Amino acid sequence: MKNRDYKNFAPGVLVHIYNRGNNREKIFFNEQDYKAFLFRVGLALGIDVEILQKENLTSIPYSRIRIDAKKNLFKLHAFCLMPNHFHLLIEQCKETQISKLISQICTSYAMYLNKKYKRVGHVFQERFKSVLIESNPQLMWVFSYIHMNAVKDGIIKHPSEYKWSSYNDFAGTRNLPILSKEFLIGTFGDTKNFIRETLNFNAKDSNAKDSP
C-alpha cells in the first residue's frame, strides 16, 4: 500500500487516514479528550448534536463548537483512537474532498487541546497520511489492523476491551451514530466472520509499513 496524494481524493474512494501527535506525543490524555475528538468527527459528518449527545462516547458538555458540514458527504466505516495517534477508514461520497473533513476535525481538536492544557504549537505531526483502498483483501487487512491496533500495542488483550475503536459496534454490543456499518459487514459476510478474521489478524502479514 502506498501513500496517495490528498489531491487525488474523488467520489467513491475509500481511504485509510491516520496521523499522530507532533514528536509522537500524546494527543489524548483522558476520556474527555477521546470524546471531544469523536464529537468533532460526528459534527464533521453532519450528524445532529442532539444525536451525538445521546451516546456516551460522543457526548461532551455544552459546547459552542461550530463545524460547517452537510450530511451524506462522507461515511466513516471504522476508527481507532490511540493515545498518540488515530486511524479512520473513510469513504468520500461526493465532490467535497476528505482533506476538508480531516482539516475541520483536526483543526478544531487542536484548538481544544491547546486551550485545555494551556499549550501552544502543533498538536499533529505534519499533514495526515492517506492510503487508498484498492482491493477487498487490502480492505479486510486495514479493517482488522485498525481494530487490533490497541492489542498490537499491548494496551489490551482483546479488541472488545478497548472502547475507543469501532470493534464493538461491529461485534454487536454497541451502535454509535457516527458509523456506517453495512458495507464492511457485507465485505466480511457476517459478524462471526468479521470477529474471526479480526482475531486472526497478524500485522506482519502485510507490507503496510507506513502506519503509526
N, C-alpha and C. Protein backbone atom coordinates (compact mmCIF):
# COMPACT_ATOMS: atom_id res chain seq x y z
N MET A 1 0.85 -1.19 0.00
CA MET A 1 0.00 0.00 0.00
C MET A 1 0.88 1.25 0.00
N LYS A 2 0.60 2.17 -0.86
CA LYS A 2 1.39 3.38 -0.97
C LYS A 2 0.60 4.59 -0.54
N ASN A 3 1.30 5.57 0.02
CA ASN A 3 0.64 6.82 0.35
C ASN A 3 0.15 7.50 -0.92
N ARG A 4 -1.03 8.08 -0.85
CA ARG A 4 -1.61 8.75 -2.01
C ARG A 4 -1.67 10.24 -1.77
N ASP A 5 -1.51 11.01 -2.84
CA ASP A 5 -1.63 12.45 -2.76
C ASP A 5 -3.06 12.81 -2.36
N TYR A 6 -3.20 13.70 -1.38
CA TYR A 6 -4.54 14.07 -0.92
C TYR A 6 -5.37 14.71 -2.02
N LYS A 7 -4.73 15.25 -3.04
CA LYS A 7 -5.46 15.89 -4.13
C LYS A 7 -6.18 14.87 -5.02
N ASN A 8 -5.83 13.59 -4.88
CA ASN A 8 -6.44 12.56 -5.71
C ASN A 8 -7.74 12.01 -5.12
N PHE A 9 -8.20 12.55 -4.00
CA PHE A 9 -9.46 12.12 -3.43
C PHE A 9 -10.59 12.41 -4.43
N ALA A 10 -11.50 11.46 -4.57
CA ALA A 10 -12.59 11.62 -5.53
C ALA A 10 -13.80 10.86 -5.02
N PRO A 11 -14.99 11.17 -5.56
CA PRO A 11 -16.20 10.46 -5.12
C PRO A 11 -16.06 8.95 -5.28
N GLY A 12 -16.47 8.22 -4.25
CA GLY A 12 -16.44 6.77 -4.30
C GLY A 12 -15.19 6.13 -3.74
N VAL A 13 -14.15 6.92 -3.44
CA VAL A 13 -12.92 6.32 -2.92
C VAL A 13 -13.07 6.00 -1.44
N LEU A 14 -12.36 4.95 -1.03
CA LEU A 14 -12.31 4.54 0.37
C LEU A 14 -10.85 4.68 0.81
N VAL A 15 -10.61 5.41 1.91
CA VAL A 15 -9.25 5.78 2.27
C VAL A 15 -8.99 5.51 3.75
N HIS A 16 -7.83 4.94 4.02
CA HIS A 16 -7.35 4.80 5.39
C HIS A 16 -6.58 6.06 5.75
N ILE A 17 -7.11 6.81 6.70
CA ILE A 17 -6.50 8.07 7.15
C ILE A 17 -5.88 7.85 8.52
N TYR A 18 -4.67 8.36 8.71
CA TYR A 18 -4.08 8.28 10.04
C TYR A 18 -3.11 9.43 10.26
N ASN A 19 -2.94 9.78 11.52
CA ASN A 19 -1.99 10.82 11.90
C ASN A 19 -1.65 10.63 13.37
N ARG A 20 -0.53 11.20 13.79
CA ARG A 20 -0.11 11.06 15.18
C ARG A 20 0.31 12.41 15.73
N GLY A 21 0.53 12.41 17.03
CA GLY A 21 0.91 13.64 17.70
C GLY A 21 2.29 14.12 17.28
N ASN A 22 2.48 15.42 17.30
CA ASN A 22 3.78 16.01 16.98
C ASN A 22 4.85 15.42 17.90
N ASN A 23 5.96 15.01 17.30
CA ASN A 23 7.05 14.36 18.05
C ASN A 23 6.58 13.09 18.76
N ARG A 24 5.54 12.48 18.20
CA ARG A 24 4.97 11.25 18.76
C ARG A 24 4.38 11.45 20.16
N GLU A 25 4.06 12.70 20.48
CA GLU A 25 3.49 12.99 21.81
C GLU A 25 2.02 12.59 21.86
N LYS A 26 1.50 12.48 23.05
CA LYS A 26 0.09 12.13 23.24
C LYS A 26 -0.82 13.21 22.66
N ILE A 27 -1.94 12.75 22.12
CA ILE A 27 -2.98 13.69 21.70
C ILE A 27 -4.28 13.45 22.49
N PHE A 28 -4.33 12.33 23.22
CA PHE A 28 -5.46 12.03 24.09
C PHE A 28 -4.93 11.72 25.48
N PHE A 29 -5.36 12.50 26.47
CA PHE A 29 -4.86 12.34 27.82
C PHE A 29 -5.87 11.73 28.78
N ASN A 30 -7.13 11.88 28.47
CA ASN A 30 -8.16 11.29 29.33
C ASN A 30 -9.43 11.04 28.51
N GLU A 31 -10.44 10.51 29.15
CA GLU A 31 -11.67 10.13 28.47
C GLU A 31 -12.35 11.32 27.80
N GLN A 32 -12.30 12.46 28.43
CA GLN A 32 -12.92 13.65 27.84
C GLN A 32 -12.29 14.00 26.49
N ASP A 33 -10.98 13.79 26.37
CA ASP A 33 -10.30 14.11 25.11
C ASP A 33 -10.76 13.18 23.98
N TYR A 34 -10.86 11.90 24.27
CA TYR A 34 -11.34 10.95 23.26
C TYR A 34 -12.76 11.33 22.81
N LYS A 35 -13.60 11.66 23.78
CA LYS A 35 -14.98 12.04 23.46
C LYS A 35 -15.00 13.33 22.62
N ALA A 36 -14.15 14.28 22.97
CA ALA A 36 -14.10 15.55 22.24
C ALA A 36 -13.74 15.32 20.77
N PHE A 37 -12.84 14.37 20.52
CA PHE A 37 -12.45 14.07 19.13
C PHE A 37 -13.60 13.41 18.39
N LEU A 38 -14.23 12.39 19.00
CA LEU A 38 -15.33 11.70 18.35
C LEU A 38 -16.52 12.62 18.11
N PHE A 39 -16.74 13.54 19.05
CA PHE A 39 -17.81 14.52 18.88
C PHE A 39 -17.56 15.36 17.64
N ARG A 40 -16.32 15.76 17.43
CA ARG A 40 -15.98 16.56 16.26
C ARG A 40 -16.08 15.75 14.97
N VAL A 41 -15.72 14.48 15.04
CA VAL A 41 -15.92 13.60 13.89
C VAL A 41 -17.39 13.57 13.51
N GLY A 42 -18.25 13.41 14.51
CA GLY A 42 -19.69 13.39 14.27
C GLY A 42 -20.20 14.67 13.64
N LEU A 43 -19.76 15.81 14.17
CA LEU A 43 -20.18 17.09 13.60
C LEU A 43 -19.72 17.23 12.15
N ALA A 44 -18.48 16.82 11.88
CA ALA A 44 -17.94 16.94 10.52
C ALA A 44 -18.67 16.02 9.54
N LEU A 45 -19.28 14.95 10.05
CA LEU A 45 -20.06 14.05 9.20
C LEU A 45 -21.49 14.56 9.01
N GLY A 46 -21.82 15.66 9.69
CA GLY A 46 -23.15 16.25 9.54
C GLY A 46 -24.19 15.66 10.46
N ILE A 47 -23.77 14.99 11.52
CA ILE A 47 -24.71 14.38 12.46
C ILE A 47 -25.17 15.44 13.46
N ASP A 48 -26.46 15.45 13.75
CA ASP A 48 -27.04 16.43 14.66
C ASP A 48 -26.45 16.31 16.07
N VAL A 49 -26.24 17.45 16.70
CA VAL A 49 -25.69 17.49 18.05
C VAL A 49 -26.54 16.67 19.02
N GLU A 50 -27.84 16.76 18.88
CA GLU A 50 -28.74 16.04 19.80
C GLU A 50 -28.51 14.54 19.73
N ILE A 51 -28.25 14.02 18.55
CA ILE A 51 -27.99 12.59 18.37
C ILE A 51 -26.66 12.21 19.00
N LEU A 52 -25.65 13.03 18.79
CA LEU A 52 -24.33 12.75 19.36
C LEU A 52 -24.37 12.77 20.88
N GLN A 53 -25.14 13.68 21.44
CA GLN A 53 -25.19 13.82 22.90
C GLN A 53 -25.91 12.66 23.58
N LYS A 54 -26.65 11.87 22.83
CA LYS A 54 -27.36 10.74 23.41
C LYS A 54 -26.45 9.54 23.66
N GLU A 55 -25.29 9.52 23.00
CA GLU A 55 -24.35 8.41 23.14
C GLU A 55 -23.19 8.82 24.04
N ASN A 56 -22.85 7.98 24.99
CA ASN A 56 -21.82 8.30 25.97
C ASN A 56 -20.48 8.65 25.32
N LEU A 57 -20.07 7.88 24.31
CA LEU A 57 -18.75 8.08 23.72
C LEU A 57 -18.66 9.29 22.80
N THR A 58 -19.80 9.83 22.39
CA THR A 58 -19.77 11.01 21.51
C THR A 58 -20.40 12.23 22.16
N SER A 59 -20.62 12.17 23.45
CA SER A 59 -21.24 13.30 24.15
C SER A 59 -20.20 14.08 24.92
N ILE A 60 -20.36 15.39 24.93
CA ILE A 60 -19.48 16.27 25.70
C ILE A 60 -20.35 17.32 26.37
N PRO A 61 -19.82 18.01 27.40
CA PRO A 61 -20.59 19.11 28.00
C PRO A 61 -20.93 20.16 26.95
N TYR A 62 -21.89 20.99 27.25
CA TYR A 62 -22.32 22.02 26.30
C TYR A 62 -21.13 22.74 25.69
N SER A 63 -21.16 22.86 24.40
CA SER A 63 -20.03 23.48 23.71
C SER A 63 -20.53 24.38 22.59
N ARG A 64 -19.75 25.39 22.26
CA ARG A 64 -20.07 26.29 21.16
C ARG A 64 -19.31 25.91 19.89
N ILE A 65 -18.87 24.67 19.81
CA ILE A 65 -18.14 24.21 18.63
C ILE A 65 -19.01 24.38 17.39
N ARG A 66 -18.42 24.93 16.36
CA ARG A 66 -19.13 25.10 15.10
C ARG A 66 -18.30 24.49 13.98
N ILE A 67 -18.78 23.40 13.42
CA ILE A 67 -18.15 22.80 12.25
C ILE A 67 -19.19 22.77 11.14
N ASP A 68 -18.92 23.50 10.08
CA ASP A 68 -19.87 23.63 8.98
C ASP A 68 -19.81 22.37 8.12
N ALA A 69 -20.82 21.52 8.21
CA ALA A 69 -20.81 20.27 7.47
C ALA A 69 -22.21 19.88 7.04
N LYS A 70 -22.28 19.21 5.91
CA LYS A 70 -23.54 18.69 5.40
C LYS A 70 -23.56 17.17 5.54
N LYS A 71 -24.75 16.61 5.62
CA LYS A 71 -24.88 15.17 5.73
C LYS A 71 -24.58 14.49 4.39
N ASN A 72 -24.19 13.23 4.49
CA ASN A 72 -24.04 12.34 3.34
C ASN A 72 -22.89 12.69 2.40
N LEU A 73 -21.96 13.51 2.85
CA LEU A 73 -20.77 13.78 2.03
C LEU A 73 -19.70 12.72 2.23
N PHE A 74 -19.69 12.11 3.43
CA PHE A 74 -18.70 11.10 3.78
C PHE A 74 -19.37 10.01 4.61
N LYS A 75 -18.73 8.84 4.63
CA LYS A 75 -19.12 7.77 5.53
C LYS A 75 -17.89 7.31 6.31
N LEU A 76 -18.06 7.13 7.60
CA LEU A 76 -16.99 6.60 8.44
C LEU A 76 -17.25 5.10 8.62
N HIS A 77 -16.31 4.26 8.17
CA HIS A 77 -16.51 2.82 8.22
C HIS A 77 -15.78 2.15 9.38
N ALA A 78 -14.79 2.79 9.93
CA ALA A 78 -14.08 2.22 11.09
C ALA A 78 -13.19 3.31 11.70
N PHE A 79 -12.87 3.15 12.99
CA PHE A 79 -11.96 4.09 13.63
C PHE A 79 -11.24 3.43 14.80
N CYS A 80 -10.11 4.01 15.16
CA CYS A 80 -9.43 3.65 16.39
C CYS A 80 -8.64 4.87 16.86
N LEU A 81 -8.87 5.27 18.09
CA LEU A 81 -8.12 6.39 18.69
C LEU A 81 -7.15 5.81 19.70
N MET A 82 -5.87 6.04 19.46
CA MET A 82 -4.81 5.58 20.37
C MET A 82 -4.25 6.79 21.10
N PRO A 83 -3.52 6.58 22.20
CA PRO A 83 -3.04 7.73 22.97
C PRO A 83 -2.30 8.79 22.16
N ASN A 84 -1.50 8.37 21.15
CA ASN A 84 -0.75 9.37 20.40
C ASN A 84 -1.02 9.38 18.89
N HIS A 85 -2.06 8.65 18.46
CA HIS A 85 -2.42 8.70 17.04
C HIS A 85 -3.85 8.21 16.83
N PHE A 86 -4.34 8.36 15.60
CA PHE A 86 -5.69 7.89 15.29
C PHE A 86 -5.72 7.26 13.91
N HIS A 87 -6.72 6.40 13.70
CA HIS A 87 -6.99 5.77 12.41
C HIS A 87 -8.46 5.98 12.06
N LEU A 88 -8.73 6.34 10.82
CA LEU A 88 -10.09 6.48 10.33
C LEU A 88 -10.18 5.82 8.96
N LEU A 89 -11.22 5.04 8.72
CA LEU A 89 -11.48 4.47 7.40
C LEU A 89 -12.69 5.20 6.84
N ILE A 90 -12.46 6.04 5.83
CA ILE A 90 -13.47 6.98 5.37
C ILE A 90 -13.77 6.80 3.88
N GLU A 91 -15.04 6.91 3.54
CA GLU A 91 -15.47 6.90 2.15
C GLU A 91 -15.92 8.29 1.75
N GLN A 92 -15.38 8.79 0.64
CA GLN A 92 -15.83 10.07 0.10
C GLN A 92 -17.00 9.80 -0.83
N CYS A 93 -18.15 10.39 -0.55
CA CYS A 93 -19.37 10.09 -1.31
C CYS A 93 -19.65 11.08 -2.44
N LYS A 94 -19.16 12.32 -2.30
CA LYS A 94 -19.43 13.34 -3.31
C LYS A 94 -18.15 14.11 -3.62
N GLU A 95 -18.27 15.31 -4.20
CA GLU A 95 -17.09 16.04 -4.66
C GLU A 95 -16.26 16.63 -3.53
N THR A 96 -16.87 16.94 -2.40
CA THR A 96 -16.12 17.51 -1.28
C THR A 96 -15.05 16.52 -0.83
N GLN A 97 -13.79 16.98 -0.78
CA GLN A 97 -12.68 16.07 -0.55
C GLN A 97 -12.51 15.72 0.93
N ILE A 98 -11.97 14.52 1.15
CA ILE A 98 -11.71 14.03 2.50
C ILE A 98 -10.77 14.98 3.25
N SER A 99 -9.87 15.62 2.53
CA SER A 99 -8.93 16.54 3.17
C SER A 99 -9.66 17.64 3.93
N LYS A 100 -10.80 18.10 3.41
CA LYS A 100 -11.57 19.13 4.11
C LYS A 100 -12.14 18.59 5.40
N LEU A 101 -12.66 17.37 5.36
CA LEU A 101 -13.22 16.74 6.55
C LEU A 101 -12.16 16.62 7.65
N ILE A 102 -11.00 16.08 7.29
CA ILE A 102 -9.93 15.87 8.27
C ILE A 102 -9.41 17.20 8.80
N SER A 103 -9.30 18.20 7.93
CA SER A 103 -8.83 19.52 8.36
C SER A 103 -9.77 20.12 9.40
N GLN A 104 -11.07 19.99 9.18
CA GLN A 104 -12.04 20.52 10.13
C GLN A 104 -11.91 19.84 11.49
N ILE A 105 -11.81 18.52 11.47
CA ILE A 105 -11.72 17.76 12.72
C ILE A 105 -10.44 18.10 13.47
N CYS A 106 -9.31 18.03 12.77
CA CYS A 106 -8.01 18.20 13.44
C CYS A 106 -7.77 19.64 13.88
N THR A 107 -8.19 20.60 13.08
CA THR A 107 -8.02 22.00 13.47
C THR A 107 -8.82 22.31 14.72
N SER A 108 -10.07 21.87 14.75
CA SER A 108 -10.93 22.11 15.92
C SER A 108 -10.40 21.39 17.15
N TYR A 109 -9.95 20.15 16.96
CA TYR A 109 -9.45 19.39 18.11
C TYR A 109 -8.14 19.99 18.64
N ALA A 110 -7.27 20.44 17.75
CA ALA A 110 -6.01 21.05 18.18
C ALA A 110 -6.27 22.32 19.00
N MET A 111 -7.25 23.10 18.59
CA MET A 111 -7.61 24.31 19.35
C MET A 111 -8.14 23.93 20.73
N TYR A 112 -8.94 22.89 20.77
CA TYR A 112 -9.47 22.40 22.06
C TYR A 112 -8.34 21.95 22.97
N LEU A 113 -7.41 21.15 22.43
CA LEU A 113 -6.34 20.59 23.26
C LEU A 113 -5.40 21.68 23.77
N ASN A 114 -5.03 22.61 22.90
CA ASN A 114 -4.13 23.69 23.32
C ASN A 114 -4.77 24.57 24.38
N LYS A 115 -6.05 24.84 24.23
CA LYS A 115 -6.74 25.67 25.22
C LYS A 115 -6.87 24.94 26.55
N LYS A 116 -7.26 23.67 26.50
CA LYS A 116 -7.47 22.90 27.72
C LYS A 116 -6.20 22.75 28.53
N TYR A 117 -5.09 22.45 27.84
CA TYR A 117 -3.84 22.17 28.54
C TYR A 117 -2.86 23.35 28.53
N LYS A 118 -3.38 24.52 28.10
CA LYS A 118 -2.58 25.76 28.11
C LYS A 118 -1.23 25.55 27.42
N ARG A 119 -1.31 25.05 26.22
CA ARG A 119 -0.10 24.79 25.45
C ARG A 119 -0.20 25.51 24.12
N VAL A 120 0.92 25.59 23.40
CA VAL A 120 0.95 26.24 22.08
C VAL A 120 1.67 25.32 21.11
N GLY A 121 1.53 25.62 19.83
CA GLY A 121 2.24 24.85 18.81
C GLY A 121 1.38 23.78 18.18
N HIS A 122 2.04 23.00 17.32
CA HIS A 122 1.34 21.95 16.58
C HIS A 122 0.96 20.80 17.49
N VAL A 123 -0.24 20.28 17.28
CA VAL A 123 -0.69 19.09 18.00
C VAL A 123 -0.38 17.85 17.18
N PHE A 124 -0.58 17.93 15.86
CA PHE A 124 -0.37 16.77 15.00
C PHE A 124 0.92 16.90 14.21
N GLN A 125 1.45 15.75 13.80
CA GLN A 125 2.71 15.72 13.07
C GLN A 125 2.45 15.91 11.58
N GLU A 126 2.78 17.08 11.08
CA GLU A 126 2.67 17.39 9.66
C GLU A 126 1.26 17.10 9.12
N ARG A 127 1.16 16.84 7.82
CA ARG A 127 -0.11 16.52 7.19
C ARG A 127 -0.49 15.07 7.47
N PHE A 128 -1.78 14.80 7.57
CA PHE A 128 -2.22 13.44 7.80
C PHE A 128 -1.79 12.54 6.64
N LYS A 129 -1.68 11.24 6.91
CA LYS A 129 -1.33 10.26 5.88
C LYS A 129 -2.61 9.61 5.35
N SER A 130 -2.58 9.22 4.09
CA SER A 130 -3.75 8.59 3.49
C SER A 130 -3.32 7.44 2.59
N VAL A 131 -4.04 6.33 2.69
CA VAL A 131 -3.77 5.17 1.85
C VAL A 131 -5.07 4.76 1.16
N LEU A 132 -5.07 4.77 -0.16
CA LEU A 132 -6.25 4.43 -0.93
C LEU A 132 -6.49 2.92 -0.87
N ILE A 133 -7.73 2.52 -0.62
CA ILE A 133 -8.09 1.11 -0.59
C ILE A 133 -8.42 0.68 -2.02
N GLU A 134 -7.73 -0.33 -2.52
CA GLU A 134 -7.87 -0.71 -3.92
C GLU A 134 -8.32 -2.15 -4.14
N SER A 135 -8.49 -2.93 -3.08
CA SER A 135 -8.93 -4.32 -3.25
C SER A 135 -9.59 -4.80 -1.97
N ASN A 136 -10.37 -5.88 -2.10
CA ASN A 136 -11.03 -6.45 -0.93
C ASN A 136 -10.04 -7.00 0.09
N PRO A 137 -9.00 -7.74 -0.32
CA PRO A 137 -8.02 -8.22 0.66
C PRO A 137 -7.37 -7.08 1.43
N GLN A 138 -7.04 -6.00 0.72
CA GLN A 138 -6.44 -4.84 1.38
C GLN A 138 -7.43 -4.23 2.36
N LEU A 139 -8.70 -4.12 1.95
CA LEU A 139 -9.73 -3.57 2.83
C LEU A 139 -9.87 -4.39 4.10
N MET A 140 -9.90 -5.70 3.97
CA MET A 140 -10.05 -6.57 5.13
C MET A 140 -8.84 -6.46 6.05
N TRP A 141 -7.64 -6.33 5.45
CA TRP A 141 -6.44 -6.19 6.26
C TRP A 141 -6.47 -4.88 7.05
N VAL A 142 -6.79 -3.78 6.37
CA VAL A 142 -6.82 -2.47 7.04
C VAL A 142 -7.89 -2.44 8.12
N PHE A 143 -9.04 -3.02 7.83
CA PHE A 143 -10.13 -3.05 8.79
C PHE A 143 -9.70 -3.80 10.06
N SER A 144 -9.03 -4.93 9.87
CA SER A 144 -8.55 -5.70 11.03
C SER A 144 -7.41 -4.97 11.73
N TYR A 145 -6.53 -4.35 10.96
CA TYR A 145 -5.41 -3.61 11.55
C TYR A 145 -5.92 -2.50 12.46
N ILE A 146 -6.91 -1.76 12.01
CA ILE A 146 -7.47 -0.68 12.81
C ILE A 146 -8.03 -1.22 14.13
N HIS A 147 -8.77 -2.31 14.06
CA HIS A 147 -9.43 -2.83 15.26
C HIS A 147 -8.50 -3.59 16.20
N MET A 148 -7.34 -4.01 15.68
CA MET A 148 -6.38 -4.73 16.53
C MET A 148 -5.23 -3.83 16.97
N ASN A 149 -5.34 -2.55 16.69
CA ASN A 149 -4.25 -1.62 17.00
C ASN A 149 -3.90 -1.59 18.48
N ALA A 150 -4.91 -1.54 19.32
CA ALA A 150 -4.66 -1.48 20.77
C ALA A 150 -4.09 -2.79 21.29
N VAL A 151 -4.47 -3.91 20.65
CA VAL A 151 -3.90 -5.21 21.02
C VAL A 151 -2.44 -5.27 20.59
N LYS A 152 -2.19 -4.84 19.35
CA LYS A 152 -0.83 -4.83 18.81
C LYS A 152 0.12 -4.01 19.67
N ASP A 153 -0.37 -2.90 20.23
CA ASP A 153 0.47 -2.04 21.05
C ASP A 153 0.49 -2.44 22.52
N GLY A 154 -0.18 -3.54 22.86
CA GLY A 154 -0.12 -4.07 24.21
C GLY A 154 -0.97 -3.35 25.23
N ILE A 155 -1.93 -2.53 24.79
CA ILE A 155 -2.79 -1.81 25.72
C ILE A 155 -3.83 -2.75 26.33
N ILE A 156 -4.36 -3.64 25.51
CA ILE A 156 -5.35 -4.62 25.97
C ILE A 156 -5.04 -5.96 25.30
N LYS A 157 -5.74 -7.02 25.72
CA LYS A 157 -5.50 -8.34 25.16
C LYS A 157 -6.54 -8.74 24.13
N HIS A 158 -7.74 -8.14 24.20
CA HIS A 158 -8.81 -8.47 23.26
C HIS A 158 -9.43 -7.16 22.78
N PRO A 159 -9.72 -7.04 21.48
CA PRO A 159 -10.23 -5.75 20.95
C PRO A 159 -11.53 -5.29 21.61
N SER A 160 -12.32 -6.21 22.15
CA SER A 160 -13.57 -5.81 22.81
C SER A 160 -13.34 -5.02 24.08
N GLU A 161 -12.12 -5.08 24.63
CA GLU A 161 -11.80 -4.37 25.87
C GLU A 161 -11.50 -2.89 25.62
N TYR A 162 -11.34 -2.52 24.36
CA TYR A 162 -10.93 -1.15 24.04
C TYR A 162 -12.11 -0.39 23.45
N LYS A 163 -12.64 0.56 24.19
CA LYS A 163 -13.86 1.25 23.74
C LYS A 163 -13.61 2.37 22.74
N TRP A 164 -12.33 2.74 22.51
CA TRP A 164 -12.06 3.84 21.58
C TRP A 164 -11.75 3.36 20.17
N SER A 165 -12.30 2.20 19.82
CA SER A 165 -12.30 1.75 18.44
C SER A 165 -13.73 1.34 18.09
N SER A 166 -13.96 1.06 16.82
CA SER A 166 -15.31 0.69 16.38
C SER A 166 -15.55 -0.82 16.44
N TYR A 167 -14.64 -1.57 17.02
CA TYR A 167 -14.78 -3.03 17.07
C TYR A 167 -16.11 -3.46 17.66
N ASN A 168 -16.48 -2.90 18.81
CA ASN A 168 -17.70 -3.34 19.49
C ASN A 168 -18.97 -2.97 18.73
N ASP A 169 -18.88 -1.99 17.85
CA ASP A 169 -20.03 -1.66 17.02
C ASP A 169 -20.29 -2.76 15.99
N PHE A 170 -19.22 -3.39 15.53
CA PHE A 170 -19.36 -4.47 14.56
C PHE A 170 -19.56 -5.82 15.22
N ALA A 171 -19.08 -5.95 16.46
CA ALA A 171 -19.25 -7.21 17.19
C ALA A 171 -20.66 -7.32 17.76
N GLY A 172 -21.44 -6.22 17.69
CA GLY A 172 -22.84 -6.29 18.05
C GLY A 172 -23.22 -5.80 19.42
N THR A 173 -22.29 -5.16 20.15
CA THR A 173 -22.59 -4.72 21.51
C THR A 173 -22.76 -3.21 21.63
N ARG A 174 -22.66 -2.48 20.50
CA ARG A 174 -22.76 -1.03 20.54
C ARG A 174 -23.20 -0.53 19.17
N ASN A 175 -23.72 0.69 19.13
CA ASN A 175 -24.22 1.21 17.86
C ASN A 175 -24.03 2.73 17.80
N LEU A 176 -22.79 3.18 17.63
CA LEU A 176 -22.51 4.61 17.58
C LEU A 176 -23.09 5.23 16.31
N PRO A 177 -23.65 6.44 16.41
CA PRO A 177 -24.29 7.08 15.26
C PRO A 177 -23.31 7.58 14.21
N ILE A 178 -22.02 7.62 14.51
CA ILE A 178 -21.04 8.13 13.56
C ILE A 178 -20.62 7.10 12.52
N LEU A 179 -20.99 5.83 12.73
CA LEU A 179 -20.51 4.75 11.86
C LEU A 179 -21.53 4.33 10.83
N SER A 180 -21.00 3.95 9.66
CA SER A 180 -21.78 3.29 8.62
C SER A 180 -21.28 1.85 8.55
N LYS A 181 -22.09 0.87 8.93
CA LYS A 181 -21.60 -0.49 9.13
C LYS A 181 -21.94 -1.47 8.02
N GLU A 182 -22.93 -1.18 7.20
CA GLU A 182 -23.43 -2.16 6.26
C GLU A 182 -22.38 -2.63 5.26
N PHE A 183 -21.58 -1.71 4.73
CA PHE A 183 -20.62 -2.03 3.68
C PHE A 183 -19.58 -3.04 4.16
N LEU A 184 -19.02 -2.79 5.35
CA LEU A 184 -17.95 -3.66 5.81
C LEU A 184 -18.46 -4.99 6.34
N ILE A 185 -19.63 -4.99 6.94
CA ILE A 185 -20.22 -6.26 7.34
C ILE A 185 -20.46 -7.10 6.08
N GLY A 186 -20.90 -6.45 5.00
CA GLY A 186 -21.08 -7.15 3.75
C GLY A 186 -19.76 -7.71 3.21
N THR A 187 -18.67 -6.99 3.42
CA THR A 187 -17.36 -7.44 2.96
C THR A 187 -16.93 -8.71 3.68
N PHE A 188 -17.19 -8.79 4.97
CA PHE A 188 -16.80 -9.96 5.75
C PHE A 188 -17.84 -11.07 5.69
N GLY A 189 -19.03 -10.78 5.23
CA GLY A 189 -20.07 -11.78 5.13
C GLY A 189 -21.05 -11.73 6.28
N ASP A 190 -20.54 -11.80 7.50
CA ASP A 190 -21.39 -11.71 8.69
C ASP A 190 -20.53 -11.36 9.89
N THR A 191 -21.17 -11.14 11.02
CA THR A 191 -20.45 -10.72 12.23
C THR A 191 -19.46 -11.77 12.70
N LYS A 192 -19.85 -13.04 12.63
CA LYS A 192 -18.96 -14.11 13.10
C LYS A 192 -17.67 -14.15 12.29
N ASN A 193 -17.79 -13.98 10.98
CA ASN A 193 -16.60 -13.97 10.13
C ASN A 193 -15.74 -12.75 10.40
N PHE A 194 -16.38 -11.59 10.63
CA PHE A 194 -15.64 -10.38 10.99
C PHE A 194 -14.82 -10.61 12.26
N ILE A 195 -15.43 -11.17 13.28
CA ILE A 195 -14.73 -11.42 14.54
C ILE A 195 -13.59 -12.40 14.33
N ARG A 196 -13.84 -13.47 13.58
CA ARG A 196 -12.80 -14.48 13.34
C ARG A 196 -11.62 -13.88 12.59
N GLU A 197 -11.89 -13.15 11.51
CA GLU A 197 -10.82 -12.55 10.72
C GLU A 197 -10.03 -11.52 11.54
N THR A 198 -10.73 -10.75 12.35
CA THR A 198 -10.06 -9.74 13.17
C THR A 198 -9.13 -10.38 14.19
N LEU A 199 -9.61 -11.39 14.88
CA LEU A 199 -8.82 -12.03 15.92
C LEU A 199 -7.66 -12.84 15.35
N ASN A 200 -7.76 -13.25 14.08
CA ASN A 200 -6.67 -13.97 13.43
C ASN A 200 -5.66 -13.04 12.78
N PHE A 201 -5.89 -11.75 12.91
CA PHE A 201 -5.05 -10.75 12.24
C PHE A 201 -3.60 -10.81 12.74
N ASN A 202 -2.68 -10.65 11.80
CA ASN A 202 -1.25 -10.57 12.12
C ASN A 202 -0.66 -9.42 11.32
N ALA A 203 -0.21 -8.39 12.01
CA ALA A 203 0.31 -7.19 11.33
C ALA A 203 1.50 -7.50 10.44
N LYS A 204 2.22 -8.59 10.70
CA LYS A 204 3.40 -8.93 9.91
C LYS A 204 3.05 -9.50 8.55
N ASP A 205 1.77 -9.80 8.34
CA ASP A 205 1.33 -10.37 7.08
C ASP A 205 1.19 -9.33 5.97
N SER A 206 1.54 -8.07 6.23
CA SER A 206 1.37 -7.03 5.22
C SER A 206 2.63 -6.20 5.09
N ASN A 207 2.77 -5.53 3.97
CA ASN A 207 3.91 -4.63 3.76
C ASN A 207 3.54 -3.19 4.06
N ALA A 208 2.40 -2.99 4.76
CA ALA A 208 1.96 -1.63 5.08
C ALA A 208 2.77 -1.08 6.23
N LYS A 209 3.96 -0.61 5.93
CA LYS A 209 4.86 -0.14 6.96
C LYS A 209 4.71 1.35 7.25
N ASP A 210 3.76 1.98 6.58
CA ASP A 210 3.64 3.43 6.73
C ASP A 210 2.66 3.82 7.81
N SER A 211 2.05 2.86 8.51
CA SER A 211 1.13 3.20 9.59
C SER A 211 1.89 3.49 10.87
N PRO A 212 1.27 4.25 11.80
CA PRO A 212 1.95 4.58 13.05
C PRO A 212 2.29 3.34 13.86
